[in-house]
Amino acid sequence: MPIYEYKCEMCGQDFEKLVFKGDDEKISCPCCGADKVKKLISAGCFMDDSGIGACSAPASKGFS
């Protein structure tokens, strides 16, 4: 059950929405009610097969 980040194109409000798989519900802004929203890119969009995201800190390579 991922939480997606959205930005309203009408009022500029940023908000998050819990979206269930197969959910056909139209996303609307909780501030102004507009349905012109844009899904923002979040770290969860960049997960690879190991479950490590591109925004994750690199693994420790020992003492330097």
N, C-alpha and C. Protein backbone atom coordinates (compact mmCIF):
# COMPACT_ATOMS: atom_id res chain seq x y z
N MET A 1 0.84 -1.17 0.00
CA MET A 1 0.00 0.00 0.00
C MET A 1 0.89 1.24 0.00
N PRO A 2 1.29 1.68 -1.15
CA PRO A 2 2.19 2.84 -1.20
C PRO A 2 1.48 4.16 -0.94
N ILE A 3 2.25 5.07 -0.39
CA ILE A 3 1.78 6.45 -0.21
C ILE A 3 2.43 7.27 -1.30
N TYR A 4 1.61 7.90 -2.12
CA TYR A 4 2.12 8.72 -3.22
C TYR A 4 2.03 10.20 -2.85
N GLU A 5 2.96 10.97 -3.39
CA GLU A 5 2.96 12.41 -3.19
C GLU A 5 2.38 13.08 -4.43
N TYR A 6 1.54 14.08 -4.21
CA TYR A 6 0.88 14.80 -5.29
C TYR A 6 1.04 16.30 -5.09
N LYS A 7 0.90 17.05 -6.17
CA LYS A 7 0.88 18.51 -6.12
C LYS A 7 -0.32 18.98 -6.93
N CYS A 8 -1.12 19.84 -6.33
CA CYS A 8 -2.29 20.39 -7.01
C CYS A 8 -1.83 21.44 -8.02
N GLU A 9 -2.31 21.31 -9.25
CA GLU A 9 -1.95 22.27 -10.29
C GLU A 9 -2.76 23.56 -10.20
N MET A 10 -3.80 23.57 -9.38
CA MET A 10 -4.63 24.76 -9.24
C MET A 10 -4.14 25.67 -8.10
N CYS A 11 -3.94 25.09 -6.89
CA CYS A 11 -3.56 25.91 -5.74
C CYS A 11 -2.11 25.71 -5.28
N GLY A 12 -1.43 24.69 -5.84
CA GLY A 12 -0.03 24.45 -5.50
C GLY A 12 0.20 23.64 -4.23
N GLN A 13 -0.87 23.15 -3.61
CA GLN A 13 -0.77 22.38 -2.36
C GLN A 13 -0.10 21.02 -2.62
N ASP A 14 0.90 20.66 -1.79
CA ASP A 14 1.51 19.33 -1.82
C ASP A 14 0.76 18.47 -0.80
N PHE A 15 0.48 17.21 -1.16
CA PHE A 15 -0.19 16.31 -0.23
C PHE A 15 0.15 14.87 -0.56
N GLU A 16 -0.11 13.99 0.39
CA GLU A 16 0.15 12.56 0.23
C GLU A 16 -1.17 11.81 0.23
N LYS A 17 -1.20 10.67 -0.45
CA LYS A 17 -2.42 9.87 -0.53
C LYS A 17 -2.04 8.39 -0.50
N LEU A 18 -2.67 7.64 0.38
CA LEU A 18 -2.49 6.20 0.44
C LEU A 18 -3.33 5.59 -0.67
N VAL A 19 -2.69 4.86 -1.58
CA VAL A 19 -3.38 4.31 -2.75
C VAL A 19 -3.30 2.78 -2.69
N PHE A 20 -4.47 2.15 -2.74
CA PHE A 20 -4.53 0.70 -2.73
C PHE A 20 -4.47 0.17 -4.16
N LYS A 21 -3.90 -1.02 -4.32
CA LYS A 21 -3.79 -1.64 -5.65
C LYS A 21 -5.18 -1.81 -6.26
N GLY A 22 -5.31 -1.39 -7.51
CA GLY A 22 -6.58 -1.52 -8.21
C GLY A 22 -7.57 -0.41 -7.87
N ASP A 23 -7.13 0.59 -7.12
CA ASP A 23 -7.99 1.70 -6.74
C ASP A 23 -8.24 2.60 -7.95
N ASP A 24 -9.50 2.80 -8.31
CA ASP A 24 -9.85 3.64 -9.46
C ASP A 24 -10.31 5.03 -9.04
N GLU A 25 -10.20 5.31 -7.75
CA GLU A 25 -10.67 6.60 -7.22
C GLU A 25 -9.90 7.76 -7.84
N LYS A 26 -10.62 8.79 -8.24
CA LYS A 26 -10.02 10.01 -8.78
C LYS A 26 -9.36 10.77 -7.63
N ILE A 27 -8.10 11.16 -7.81
CA ILE A 27 -7.38 11.89 -6.77
C ILE A 27 -7.72 13.37 -6.89
N SER A 28 -8.12 13.97 -5.78
CA SER A 28 -8.42 15.40 -5.78
C SER A 28 -7.70 16.07 -4.61
N CYS A 29 -7.48 17.35 -4.75
CA CYS A 29 -6.76 18.14 -3.75
C CYS A 29 -7.61 18.28 -2.48
N PRO A 30 -7.03 17.96 -1.31
CA PRO A 30 -7.79 18.11 -0.07
C PRO A 30 -7.98 19.58 0.32
N CYS A 31 -7.22 20.48 -0.27
CA CYS A 31 -7.29 21.90 0.06
C CYS A 31 -8.39 22.62 -0.73
N CYS A 32 -8.36 22.47 -2.07
CA CYS A 32 -9.31 23.22 -2.90
C CYS A 32 -10.32 22.32 -3.62
N GLY A 33 -10.08 20.99 -3.61
CA GLY A 33 -11.01 20.05 -4.23
C GLY A 33 -10.80 19.83 -5.72
N ALA A 34 -9.82 20.53 -6.30
CA ALA A 34 -9.56 20.36 -7.74
C ALA A 34 -9.06 18.96 -8.04
N ASP A 35 -9.39 18.47 -9.24
CA ASP A 35 -8.91 17.14 -9.63
C ASP A 35 -7.73 17.22 -10.60
N LYS A 36 -7.16 18.38 -10.77
CA LYS A 36 -5.96 18.55 -11.60
C LYS A 36 -4.74 18.45 -10.69
N VAL A 37 -4.30 17.20 -10.43
CA VAL A 37 -3.15 16.97 -9.57
C VAL A 37 -2.09 16.22 -10.34
N LYS A 38 -0.84 16.42 -9.95
CA LYS A 38 0.29 15.78 -10.60
C LYS A 38 1.00 14.90 -9.57
N LYS A 39 1.25 13.63 -9.94
CA LYS A 39 1.97 12.74 -9.04
C LYS A 39 3.45 13.10 -9.09
N LEU A 40 4.05 13.31 -7.91
CA LEU A 40 5.45 13.65 -7.83
C LEU A 40 6.29 12.39 -7.77
N ILE A 41 7.52 12.49 -8.17
CA ILE A 41 8.43 11.34 -8.11
C ILE A 41 8.96 11.24 -6.69
N SER A 42 8.87 10.05 -6.12
CA SER A 42 9.38 9.83 -4.77
C SER A 42 10.41 8.71 -4.80
N ALA A 43 11.14 8.53 -3.71
CA ALA A 43 12.20 7.54 -3.64
C ALA A 43 11.69 6.13 -3.93
N GLY A 44 10.45 5.84 -3.58
CA GLY A 44 9.88 4.52 -3.82
C GLY A 44 9.81 4.16 -5.29
N CYS A 45 9.83 5.15 -6.16
CA CYS A 45 9.76 4.91 -7.60
C CYS A 45 11.08 4.37 -8.16
N PHE A 46 12.13 4.44 -7.38
CA PHE A 46 13.45 4.07 -7.88
C PHE A 46 13.99 2.81 -7.23
N MET A 47 13.13 1.96 -6.70
CA MET A 47 13.57 0.73 -6.06
C MET A 47 14.04 -0.27 -7.11
N ASP A 48 15.14 -0.95 -6.79
CA ASP A 48 15.58 -2.02 -7.67
C ASP A 48 15.13 -3.36 -7.09
N ASP A 49 15.54 -4.46 -7.69
CA ASP A 49 15.10 -5.78 -7.25
C ASP A 49 15.53 -6.12 -5.83
N SER A 50 16.61 -5.51 -5.35
CA SER A 50 17.10 -5.81 -4.01
C SER A 50 16.34 -5.02 -2.95
N GLY A 51 15.50 -4.07 -3.37
CA GLY A 51 14.75 -3.25 -2.43
C GLY A 51 15.49 -2.01 -2.00
N ILE A 52 16.64 -1.76 -2.62
CA ILE A 52 17.43 -0.58 -2.29
C ILE A 52 17.10 0.51 -3.28
N GLY A 53 16.73 1.67 -2.77
CA GLY A 53 16.38 2.79 -3.63
C GLY A 53 17.61 3.56 -4.09
N ALA A 54 17.46 4.28 -5.19
CA ALA A 54 18.55 5.07 -5.74
C ALA A 54 18.93 6.21 -4.80
N CYS A 55 18.02 6.60 -3.92
CA CYS A 55 18.30 7.71 -3.00
C CYS A 55 18.92 7.22 -1.71
N SER A 56 19.14 5.91 -1.57
CA SER A 56 19.72 5.36 -0.36
C SER A 56 21.19 5.73 -0.25
N ALA A 57 21.67 5.79 1.00
CA ALA A 57 23.07 6.06 1.22
C ALA A 57 23.90 4.88 0.75
N PRO A 58 25.09 5.12 0.20
CA PRO A 58 25.91 4.01 -0.26
C PRO A 58 26.39 3.16 0.91
N ALA A 59 26.67 1.91 0.62
CA ALA A 59 27.15 1.00 1.67
C ALA A 59 28.53 1.44 2.14
N SER A 60 28.78 1.18 3.42
CA SER A 60 30.07 1.53 4.01
C SER A 60 31.18 0.73 3.36
N LYS A 61 32.29 1.37 3.09
CA LYS A 61 33.42 0.70 2.46
C LYS A 61 34.57 0.55 3.44
N GLY A 62 34.30 0.68 4.73
CA GLY A 62 35.35 0.54 5.73
C GLY A 62 35.91 1.88 6.13
N PHE A 63 37.06 1.83 6.81
CA PHE A 63 37.70 3.06 7.28
C PHE A 63 38.41 3.78 6.15
N SER A 64 38.45 5.10 6.25
CA SER A 64 39.17 5.83 5.22
C SER A 64 40.24 6.70 5.84
